[in-house]
Amino acid sequence: QVQLVESGGGSVQAGGSLRLSCEASGYTRSSDCMAWFRQAPGKERDGVAFIYTAAGSTYYADSYPDSVKERFTISRDNAKNTLYLQINNLKPEDTAMYYCAWDFGPLYSCRRKFDTIAFGSWGQGTQVTVSS
């Protein structure tokens, strides 16, 4: 059983930055992947980015234009079992509940689960609200 606890959300002015954190516990797998998803009010949940532990590689959602991807940076501190999402130049459209998720398996499996919002373990989410 994997437990995920997000933190770092809050209310910020447009143009500001936030670093979201997700502390994971209760697992030991080298071939795992961790991801950030977000769900804006009235919209479906969609993926932001994921990181594949074994390779240290990162992937960002294809659906976002480069102008959005450039503002997001996913990273992980393996020693602390903590996933991060740095968001710069926040915009009102970034307002959403941000969720951390975990799963394991080969990279192609993680990618498929990311694209289909099918990760197995989820945190409770941390709210990000951006005002103009």
Protein backbone atom coordinates (compact mmCIF):
# COMPACT_ATOMS: atom_id res chain seq x y z
CA GLN A 1 0.00 0.00 0.00
CA VAL A 2 1.44 3.34 -1.06
CA GLN A 3 0.57 6.52 0.80
CA LEU A 4 0.93 9.87 -0.90
CA VAL A 5 0.68 13.22 0.85
CA GLU A 6 0.75 16.42 -1.18
CA SER A 7 1.59 19.87 0.13
CA GLY A 8 2.65 23.27 -1.11
CA GLY A 9 -0.53 24.53 -2.70
CA GLY A 10 -2.05 27.88 -1.88
CA SER A 11 -3.46 31.14 -3.18
CA VAL A 12 -1.06 33.23 -5.20
CA GLN A 13 -1.09 36.19 -7.55
CA ALA A 14 -0.58 35.67 -11.24
CA GLY A 15 3.09 35.66 -12.08
CA GLY A 16 4.09 33.98 -8.84
CA SER A 17 5.60 30.55 -8.31
CA LEU A 18 4.81 27.50 -6.23
CA ARG A 19 6.57 24.25 -5.53
CA LEU A 20 4.26 21.36 -4.82
CA SER A 21 5.56 18.38 -2.88
CA CYS A 22 4.35 14.81 -2.61
CA GLU A 23 5.84 12.53 0.01
CA ALA A 24 5.49 8.83 -0.70
CA SER A 25 5.71 6.02 1.82
CA GLY A 26 4.93 2.34 2.15
CA TYR A 27 6.61 0.97 -0.99
CA THR A 28 9.92 -0.27 -2.26
CA ARG A 29 10.15 -0.57 -6.02
CA SER A 30 12.84 0.62 -8.34
CA SER A 31 10.68 0.48 -11.47
CA ASP A 32 8.07 2.93 -10.36
CA CYS A 33 6.72 6.13 -11.77
CA MET A 34 5.23 9.16 -10.10
CA ALA A 35 3.10 11.80 -11.69
CA TRP A 36 1.25 15.04 -11.22
CA PHE A 37 -2.27 15.49 -12.45
CA ARG A 38 -4.59 18.44 -12.10
CA GLN A 39 -8.31 19.01 -12.18
CA ALA A 40 -9.72 22.46 -12.75
CA PRO A 41 -13.25 23.34 -11.59
CA GLY A 42 -15.81 21.78 -13.90
CA LYS A 43 -13.20 19.97 -15.97
CA GLU A 44 -11.82 16.48 -16.18
CA ARG A 45 -8.60 15.49 -14.51
CA ASP A 46 -5.63 15.52 -16.83
CA GLY A 47 -1.97 14.71 -16.60
CA VAL A 48 0.72 17.31 -16.15
CA ALA A 49 3.94 15.29 -16.04
CA PHE A 50 5.46 12.07 -14.77
CA ILE A 51 8.90 10.81 -13.88
CA TYR A 52 10.16 7.27 -14.39
CA THR A 53 12.43 6.39 -11.49
CA ALA A 54 14.64 3.72 -13.05
CA ALA A 55 15.81 6.03 -15.83
CA GLY A 56 15.30 9.36 -14.09
CA SER A 57 13.46 10.47 -17.19
CA THR A 58 10.64 12.99 -17.23
CA TYR A 59 7.65 13.35 -19.51
CA TYR A 60 5.20 16.19 -19.91
CA ALA A 61 1.68 15.94 -21.24
CA ASP A 62 1.53 16.22 -25.02
CA SER A 63 -1.72 18.15 -24.77
CA TYR A 64 -0.02 21.21 -23.32
CA PRO A 65 1.63 23.75 -25.61
CA ASP A 66 5.30 24.48 -25.08
CA SER A 67 4.40 27.79 -23.44
CA VAL A 68 2.74 25.81 -20.64
CA LYS A 69 5.30 23.01 -20.42
CA GLU A 70 8.08 25.55 -19.97
CA ARG A 71 6.50 26.74 -16.74
CA PHE A 72 6.30 23.29 -15.14
CA THR A 73 9.22 21.24 -13.84
CA ILE A 74 8.79 17.80 -12.30
CA SER A 75 11.56 16.37 -10.17
CA ARG A 76 12.11 13.77 -7.51
CA ASP A 77 14.35 13.35 -4.50
CA ASN A 78 14.77 9.60 -4.24
CA ALA A 79 16.45 9.80 -0.85
CA LYS A 80 13.40 11.57 0.55
CA ASN A 81 10.86 9.64 -1.56
CA THR A 82 9.42 13.00 -2.48
CA LEU A 83 8.09 14.22 -5.80
CA TYR A 84 8.02 17.91 -6.69
CA LEU A 85 6.30 20.12 -9.21
CA GLN A 86 7.71 23.59 -9.68
CA ILE A 87 5.28 25.95 -11.35
CA ASN A 88 6.53 29.35 -12.46
CA ASN A 89 4.72 32.38 -13.85
CA LEU A 90 1.42 31.09 -12.55
CA LYS A 91 -1.70 32.05 -14.48
CA PRO A 92 -5.36 32.03 -13.45
CA GLU A 93 -5.93 29.05 -15.75
CA ASP A 94 -3.55 27.04 -13.56
CA THR A 95 -6.16 27.14 -10.81
CA ALA A 96 -6.91 23.50 -10.02
CA MET A 97 -6.58 20.72 -7.52
CA TYR A 98 -3.20 19.11 -8.09
CA TYR A 99 -2.89 15.40 -7.42
CA CYS A 100 0.15 13.22 -7.00
CA ALA A 101 -0.05 9.63 -8.20
CA TRP A 102 2.11 6.50 -8.11
CA ASP A 103 2.38 3.28 -10.05
CA PHE A 104 5.01 0.84 -11.19
CA GLY A 105 6.02 -1.16 -14.23
CA PRO A 106 7.94 -0.63 -17.46
CA LEU A 107 8.07 2.80 -19.00
CA TYR A 108 5.52 2.05 -21.72
CA SER A 109 3.05 0.98 -19.03
CA CYS A 110 3.61 4.14 -17.01
CA ARG A 111 3.13 6.22 -20.14
CA ARG A 112 -0.12 4.49 -20.98
CA LYS A 113 -1.40 4.88 -17.42
CA PHE A 114 -0.42 8.55 -17.49
CA ASP A 115 -2.24 9.16 -20.76
CA THR A 116 -5.35 7.38 -19.56
CA ILE A 117 -5.33 8.79 -16.01
CA ALA A 118 -5.03 5.25 -14.69
CA PHE A 119 -2.35 5.38 -12.02
CA GLY A 120 -3.07 3.02 -9.13
CA SER A 121 -2.40 5.16 -6.05
CA TRP A 122 -3.46 8.76 -5.49
CA GLY A 123 -2.99 11.46 -2.93
CA GLN A 124 -5.75 13.69 -1.61
CA GLY A 125 -4.64 16.67 -3.65
CA THR A 126 -3.44 20.17 -2.93
CA GLN A 127 -5.35 23.22 -4.12
CA VAL A 128 -3.70 25.90 -6.22
CA THR A 129 -5.63 29.12 -6.73
CA VAL A 130 -4.22 31.87 -8.91
CA SER A 131 -5.76 35.34 -8.92
CA SER A 132 -5.24 37.93 -11.62
